[in-house]
């Protein structure tokens, strides 16, 4: 690996161990075995590096339950698929060092460079959730679908992360979310 990759891997480890606000450039350098100048050269700033490391952590976590591959439960777009995907997401929230707990901190940081980087990643995050839930490759999810259905799923994800951060004992699991969706669908059907 080169310095760029070493920095990214070191930043990922620092984020999971210390969080965004407490990670210093020196922490990243120590963890990656590189030097301070490498951060500016390869990423522009420590915050830009940490933002990219955070996005990579989320992508790595999501890759563990790809809804297009073998092992996916339920037909694409079905209530069973919805339950299966959200159950897998919840399982990753239960793990020690969960990237989702880090997400709550990242949401509260007011750094323009970080916000800009993460804002660009929002569409792709929504696209990834649509792909998992609908059982299609990400490249087949249109920008319009990513910006509507994907944003709905991201909103659900943000609320789920908040609930699991505040009180894991009462936070919903995949079964509860699927039952809630079933009730919404029934109510919409009755309203006509």
C-alpha atoms as a PDB file:
ATOM      1  CA  UNK A   1       0.000   0.000   0.000  1.00  0.00           C
ATOM      2  CA  UNK A   2       1.069   3.577  -0.616  1.00  0.00           C
ATOM      3  CA  UNK A   3       0.776   6.518   1.748  1.00  0.00           C
ATOM      4  CA  UNK A   4      -2.689   7.443   0.438  1.00  0.00           C
ATOM      5  CA  UNK A   5      -4.124   4.001   1.254  1.00  0.00           C
ATOM      6  CA  UNK A   6      -2.204   3.778   4.534  1.00  0.00           C
ATOM      7  CA  UNK A   7      -3.646   7.121   5.618  1.00  0.00           C
ATOM      8  CA  UNK A   8      -7.181   6.049   4.752  1.00  0.00           C
ATOM      9  CA  UNK A   9      -6.858   2.785   6.684  1.00  0.00           C
ATOM     10  CA  UNK A  10      -5.283   4.563   9.648  1.00  0.00           C
ATOM     11  CA  UNK A  11      -8.037   7.179   9.626  1.00  0.00           C
ATOM     12  CA  UNK A  12     -10.707   4.453   9.631  1.00  0.00           C
ATOM     13  CA  UNK A  13      -9.165   2.838  12.706  1.00  0.00           C
ATOM     14  CA  UNK A  14      -8.897   6.199  14.467  1.00  0.00           C
ATOM     15  CA  UNK A  15     -12.528   7.068  13.711  1.00  0.00           C
ATOM     16  CA  UNK A  16     -13.789   3.818  15.191  1.00  0.00           C
ATOM     17  CA  UNK A  17     -11.556   4.135  18.252  1.00  0.00           C
ATOM     18  CA  UNK A  18     -11.689   7.875  19.013  1.00  0.00           C
ATOM     19  CA  UNK A  19     -14.453   9.391  16.889  1.00  0.00           C
ATOM     20  CA  UNK A  20     -14.212  12.343  14.517  1.00  0.00           C
ATOM     21  CA  UNK A  21     -13.690  15.275  16.895  1.00  0.00           C
ATOM     22  CA  UNK A  22     -11.051  13.575  19.065  1.00  0.00           C
ATOM     23  CA  UNK A  23      -8.935  12.229  16.185  1.00  0.00           C
ATOM     24  CA  UNK A  24      -5.896  14.375  15.492  1.00  0.00           C
ATOM     25  CA  UNK A  25      -3.648  14.425  12.453  1.00  0.00           C
ATOM     26  CA  UNK A  26      -0.882  13.009  14.654  1.00  0.00           C
ATOM     27  CA  UNK A  27      -3.161  10.101  15.632  1.00  0.00           C
ATOM     28  CA  UNK A  28      -3.688   9.269  11.964  1.00  0.00           C
ATOM     29  CA  UNK A  29       0.031   9.519  11.208  1.00  0.00           C
ATOM     30  CA  UNK A  30       0.895   7.290  14.152  1.00  0.00           C
ATOM     31  CA  UNK A  31      -1.756   4.737  13.167  1.00  0.00           C
ATOM     32  CA  UNK A  32      -0.826   4.742   9.477  1.00  0.00           C
ATOM     33  CA  UNK A  33       2.964   4.883   9.762  1.00  0.00           C
ATOM     34  CA  UNK A  34       3.111   7.880   7.419  1.00  0.00           C
ATOM     35  CA  UNK A  35       3.943  11.558   7.985  1.00  0.00           C
ATOM     36  CA  UNK A  36       1.978  14.772   8.529  1.00  0.00           C
ATOM     37  CA  UNK A  37       2.794  16.174   5.091  1.00  0.00           C
ATOM     38  CA  UNK A  38       1.157  13.135   3.471  1.00  0.00           C
ATOM     39  CA  UNK A  39      -2.278  14.142   4.765  1.00  0.00           C
ATOM     40  CA  UNK A  40      -2.177  17.516   2.999  1.00  0.00           C
ATOM     41  CA  UNK A  41      -0.606  16.102  -0.129  1.00  0.00           C
ATOM     42  CA  UNK A  42      -3.079  13.245  -0.605  1.00  0.00           C
ATOM     43  CA  UNK A  43      -6.297  14.606   0.941  1.00  0.00           C
ATOM     44  CA  UNK A  44      -5.911  18.353   1.382  1.00  0.00           C
ATOM     45  CA  UNK A  45      -6.771  18.290   5.082  1.00  0.00           C
ATOM     46  CA  UNK A  46      -7.319  16.015   8.046  1.00  0.00           C
ATOM     47  CA  UNK A  47     -11.069  16.680   7.884  1.00  0.00           C
ATOM     48  CA  UNK A  48     -11.264  15.726   4.204  1.00  0.00           C
ATOM     49  CA  UNK A  49      -9.364  12.509   4.973  1.00  0.00           C
ATOM     50  CA  UNK A  50     -11.670  11.691   7.898  1.00  0.00           C
ATOM     51  CA  UNK A  51     -14.746  12.376   5.757  1.00  0.00           C
ATOM     52  CA  UNK A  52     -13.502   9.958   3.089  1.00  0.00           C
ATOM     53  CA  UNK A  53     -12.626   7.399   5.761  1.00  0.00           C
ATOM     54  CA  UNK A  54     -16.130   7.695   7.235  1.00  0.00           C
ATOM     55  CA  UNK A  55     -17.779   7.165   3.824  1.00  0.00           C
ATOM     56  CA  UNK A  56     -15.530   4.141   3.225  1.00  0.00           C
ATOM     57  CA  UNK A  57     -16.512   2.687   6.621  1.00  0.00           C
ATOM     58  CA  UNK A  58     -20.213   3.059   5.783  1.00  0.00           C
ATOM     59  CA  UNK A  59     -19.694   1.461   2.360  1.00  0.00           C
ATOM     60  CA  UNK A  60     -17.780  -1.455   3.913  1.00  0.00           C
ATOM     61  CA  UNK A  61     -20.517  -2.022   6.489  1.00  0.00           C
ATOM     62  CA  UNK A  62     -23.245  -1.926   3.834  1.00  0.00           C
ATOM     63  CA  UNK A  63     -21.385  -4.358   1.571  1.00  0.00           C
ATOM     64  CA  UNK A  64     -21.979  -7.100   4.141  1.00  0.00           C
ATOM     65  CA  UNK A  65     -25.624  -7.452   3.189  1.00  0.00           C
ATOM     66  CA  UNK A  66     -25.955  -6.825  -0.508  1.00  0.00           C
ATOM     67  CA  UNK A  67     -29.588  -7.294  -1.476  1.00  0.00           C
ATOM     68  CA  UNK A  68     -28.729  -8.384  -5.013  1.00  0.00           C
ATOM     69  CA  UNK A  69     -26.692 -11.467  -4.152  1.00  0.00           C
ATOM     70  CA  UNK A  70     -27.303 -14.931  -2.818  1.00  0.00           C
ATOM     71  CA  UNK A  71     -28.728 -15.181   0.659  1.00  0.00           C
ATOM     72  CA  UNK A  72     -31.075 -12.237   0.283  1.00  0.00           C
ATOM     73  CA  UNK A  73     -34.454 -12.997   1.784  1.00  0.00           C
ATOM     74  CA  UNK A  74     -37.779 -12.065   0.241  1.00  0.00           C
ATOM     75  CA  UNK A  75     -38.637 -10.906  -3.228  1.00  0.00           C
ATOM     76  CA  UNK A  76     -37.176  -7.552  -4.266  1.00  0.00           C
ATOM     77  CA  UNK A  77     -39.422  -4.745  -3.020  1.00  0.00           C
ATOM     78  CA  UNK A  78     -41.360  -7.052  -0.694  1.00  0.00           C
ATOM     79  CA  UNK A  79     -42.117  -6.573   2.980  1.00  0.00           C
ATOM     80  CA  UNK A  80     -39.930  -9.623   3.709  1.00  0.00           C
ATOM     81  CA  UNK A  81     -36.979  -8.002   1.867  1.00  0.00           C
ATOM     82  CA  UNK A  82     -37.605  -4.787   3.817  1.00  0.00           C
ATOM     83  CA  UNK A  83     -37.498  -6.741   7.094  1.00  0.00           C
ATOM     84  CA  UNK A  84     -34.360  -8.636   6.043  1.00  0.00           C
ATOM     85  CA  UNK A  85     -32.386  -5.527   5.010  1.00  0.00           C
ATOM     86  CA  UNK A  86     -33.278  -3.544   8.123  1.00  0.00           C
ATOM     87  CA  UNK A  87     -32.595  -6.557  10.348  1.00  0.00           C
ATOM     88  CA  UNK A  88     -29.101  -6.756   8.856  1.00  0.00           C
ATOM     89  CA  UNK A  89     -28.559  -3.036   9.398  1.00  0.00           C
ATOM     90  CA  UNK A  90     -29.713  -3.357  13.012  1.00  0.00           C
ATOM     91  CA  UNK A  91     -27.339  -6.303  13.512  1.00  0.00           C
ATOM     92  CA  UNK A  92     -24.420  -4.049  12.532  1.00  0.00           C
ATOM     93  CA  UNK A  93     -25.615  -1.477  15.082  1.00  0.00           C
ATOM     94  CA  UNK A  94     -25.317  -4.071  17.835  1.00  0.00           C
ATOM     95  CA  UNK A  95     -21.636  -4.692  17.103  1.00  0.00           C
ATOM     96  CA  UNK A  96     -18.981  -3.049  19.279  1.00  0.00           C
ATOM     97  CA  UNK A  97     -17.322  -0.174  17.442  1.00  0.00           C
ATOM     98  CA  UNK A  98     -20.317   0.232  15.145  1.00  0.00           C
ATOM     99  CA  UNK A  99     -19.844   2.787  12.414  1.00  0.00           C
ATOM    100  CA  UNK A 100     -23.446   3.875  12.988  1.00  0.00           C
ATOM    101  CA  UNK A 101     -22.644   5.249  16.459  1.00  0.00           C
ATOM    102  CA  UNK A 102     -19.938   7.281  14.796  1.00  0.00           C
ATOM    103  CA  UNK A 103     -22.621   8.532  12.401  1.00  0.00           C
ATOM    104  CA  UNK A 104     -24.400  10.421  15.174  1.00  0.00           C
ATOM    105  CA  UNK A 105     -21.226  12.356  15.922  1.00  0.00           C
ATOM    106  CA  UNK A 106     -20.569  13.037  12.259  1.00  0.00           C
ATOM    107  CA  UNK A 107     -24.113  14.415  11.829  1.00  0.00           C
ATOM    108  CA  UNK A 108     -23.484  17.038  14.498  1.00  0.00           C
ATOM    109  CA  UNK A 109     -20.112  18.334  13.291  1.00  0.00           C
ATOM    110  CA  UNK A 110     -20.327  21.732  11.612  1.00  0.00           C
ATOM    111  CA  UNK A 111     -17.344  21.772   9.282  1.00  0.00           C
ATOM    112  CA  UNK A 112     -18.153  23.056   5.773  1.00  0.00           C
ATOM    113  CA  UNK A 113     -15.565  20.777   4.136  1.00  0.00           C
ATOM    114  CA  UNK A 114     -17.015  17.714   5.884  1.00  0.00           C
ATOM    115  CA  UNK A 115     -20.611  18.704   5.124  1.00  0.00           C
ATOM    116  CA  UNK A 116     -19.799  19.247   1.454  1.00  0.00           C
ATOM    117  CA  UNK A 117     -18.102  15.860   1.128  1.00  0.00           C
ATOM    118  CA  UNK A 118     -20.898  14.017   2.926  1.00  0.00           C
ATOM    119  CA  UNK A 119     -23.624  15.869   1.008  1.00  0.00           C
ATOM    120  CA  UNK A 120     -22.168  14.478  -2.218  1.00  0.00           C
ATOM    121  CA  UNK A 121     -22.261  10.985  -0.686  1.00  0.00           C
ATOM    122  CA  UNK A 122     -25.967  11.214   0.231  1.00  0.00           C
ATOM    123  CA  UNK A 123     -27.259  10.349  -3.233  1.00  0.00           C
ATOM    124  CA  UNK A 124     -25.002   7.311  -3.395  1.00  0.00           C
ATOM    125  CA  UNK A 125     -26.077   6.195   0.069  1.00  0.00           C
ATOM    126  CA  UNK A 126     -29.720   6.390  -0.994  1.00  0.00           C
ATOM    127  CA  UNK A 127     -28.886   4.584  -4.224  1.00  0.00           C
ATOM    128  CA  UNK A 128     -27.260   1.783  -2.225  1.00  0.00           C
ATOM    129  CA  UNK A 129     -30.284   1.364   0.043  1.00  0.00           C
ATOM    130  CA  UNK A 130     -32.655   1.273  -2.935  1.00  0.00           C
ATOM    131  CA  UNK A 131     -30.453  -1.358  -4.578  1.00  0.00           C
ATOM    132  CA  UNK A 132     -30.521  -3.552  -1.460  1.00  0.00           C
ATOM    133  CA  UNK A 133     -34.238  -3.216  -0.886  1.00  0.00           C
ATOM    134  CA  UNK A 134     -35.270  -3.538  -4.526  1.00  0.00           C
ATOM    135  CA  UNK A 135     -32.701  -6.209  -5.432  1.00  0.00           C
ATOM    136  CA  UNK A 136     -31.124  -4.361  -8.346  1.00  0.00           C
ATOM    137  CA  UNK A 137     -27.539  -3.334  -9.062  1.00  0.00           C
ATOM    138  CA  UNK A 138     -26.756   0.211  -7.892  1.00  0.00           C
ATOM    139  CA  UNK A 139     -25.941   1.353 -11.421  1.00  0.00           C
ATOM    140  CA  UNK A 140     -29.557   0.601 -12.409  1.00  0.00           C
ATOM    141  CA  UNK A 141     -31.006   2.945  -9.770  1.00  0.00           C
ATOM    142  CA  UNK A 142     -31.792   6.257 -11.471  1.00  0.00           C
ATOM    143  CA  UNK A 143     -30.847   9.599  -9.951  1.00  0.00           C
ATOM    144  CA  UNK A 144     -34.567  10.408  -9.606  1.00  0.00           C
ATOM    145  CA  UNK A 145     -35.174   7.213  -7.613  1.00  0.00           C
ATOM    146  CA  UNK A 146     -32.063   7.829  -5.501  1.00  0.00           C
ATOM    147  CA  UNK A 147     -33.326  11.364  -4.792  1.00  0.00           C
ATOM    148  CA  UNK A 148     -36.827  10.249  -3.770  1.00  0.00           C
ATOM    149  CA  UNK A 149     -37.053   6.668  -2.536  1.00  0.00           C
ATOM    150  CA  UNK A 150     -33.381   6.706  -1.567  1.00  0.00           C
ATOM    151  CA  UNK A 151     -33.876   9.829   0.551  1.00  0.00           C
ATOM    152  CA  UNK A 152     -36.875   8.245   2.242  1.00  0.00           C
ATOM    153  CA  UNK A 153     -34.702   5.249   3.176  1.00  0.00           C
ATOM    154  CA  UNK A 154     -31.872   7.550   4.340  1.00  0.00           C
ATOM    155  CA  UNK A 155     -34.349   9.393   6.554  1.00  0.00           C
ATOM    156  CA  UNK A 156     -35.430   6.070   8.054  1.00  0.00           C
ATOM    157  CA  UNK A 157     -31.776   5.134   8.519  1.00  0.00           C
ATOM    158  CA  UNK A 158     -30.979   8.407  10.311  1.00  0.00           C
ATOM    159  CA  UNK A 159     -33.885   7.931  12.714  1.00  0.00           C
ATOM    160  CA  UNK A 160     -32.893   4.335  13.328  1.00  0.00           C
ATOM    161  CA  UNK A 161     -29.305   5.350  14.085  1.00  0.00           C
ATOM    162  CA  UNK A 162     -30.562   8.008  16.512  1.00  0.00           C
ATOM    163  CA  UNK A 163     -32.816   5.557  18.331  1.00  0.00           C
ATOM    164  CA  UNK A 164     -30.064   2.945  18.606  1.00  0.00           C
ATOM    165  CA  UNK A 165     -27.623   5.581  19.860  1.00  0.00           C
ATOM    166  CA  UNK A 166     -29.977   6.934  22.537  1.00  0.00           C
ATOM    167  CA  UNK A 167     -31.481   3.675  23.804  1.00  0.00           C
ATOM    168  CA  UNK A 168     -30.639   0.343  22.158  1.00  0.00           C
ATOM    169  CA  UNK A 169     -32.998  -1.490  24.540  1.00  0.00           C
ATOM    170  CA  UNK A 170     -36.083   0.209  23.085  1.00  0.00           C
ATOM    171  CA  UNK A 171     -34.900   0.846  19.518  1.00  0.00           C
ATOM    172  CA  UNK A 172     -36.808  -0.999  16.780  1.00  0.00           C
ATOM    173  CA  UNK A 173     -35.517  -4.067  15.003  1.00  0.00           C
ATOM    174  CA  UNK A 174     -36.251  -5.212  11.450  1.00  0.00           C
ATOM    175  CA  UNK A 175     -39.473  -6.956  12.518  1.00  0.00           C
ATOM    176  CA  UNK A 176     -40.861  -3.822  14.181  1.00  0.00           C
ATOM    177  CA  UNK A 177     -39.970  -1.664  11.181  1.00  0.00           C
ATOM    178  CA  UNK A 178     -41.576  -4.131   8.772  1.00  0.00           C
ATOM    179  CA  UNK A 179     -44.746  -4.230  10.892  1.00  0.00           C
ATOM    180  CA  UNK A 180     -44.843  -0.429  10.935  1.00  0.00           C
ATOM    181  CA  UNK A 181     -44.502  -0.341   7.153  1.00  0.00           C
ATOM    182  CA  UNK A 182     -47.249  -2.964   6.803  1.00  0.00           C
ATOM    183  CA  UNK A 183     -49.557  -0.742   8.873  1.00  0.00           C
ATOM    184  CA  UNK A 184     -48.718   2.313   6.706  1.00  0.00           C
ATOM    185  CA  UNK A 185     -49.440   0.351   3.519  1.00  0.00           C
ATOM    186  CA  UNK A 186     -52.777  -0.865   4.926  1.00  0.00           C
ATOM    187  CA  UNK A 187     -53.768   2.679   5.962  1.00  0.00           C
ATOM    188  CA  UNK A 188     -52.843   4.086   2.535  1.00  0.00           C
ATOM    189  CA  UNK A 189     -54.839   1.288   0.862  1.00  0.00           C
ATOM    190  CA  UNK A 190     -57.898   2.132   2.950  1.00  0.00           C
ATOM    191  CA  UNK A 191     -57.535   5.860   2.220  1.00  0.00           C
ATOM    192  CA  UNK A 192     -57.570   4.982  -1.444  1.00  0.00           C
END
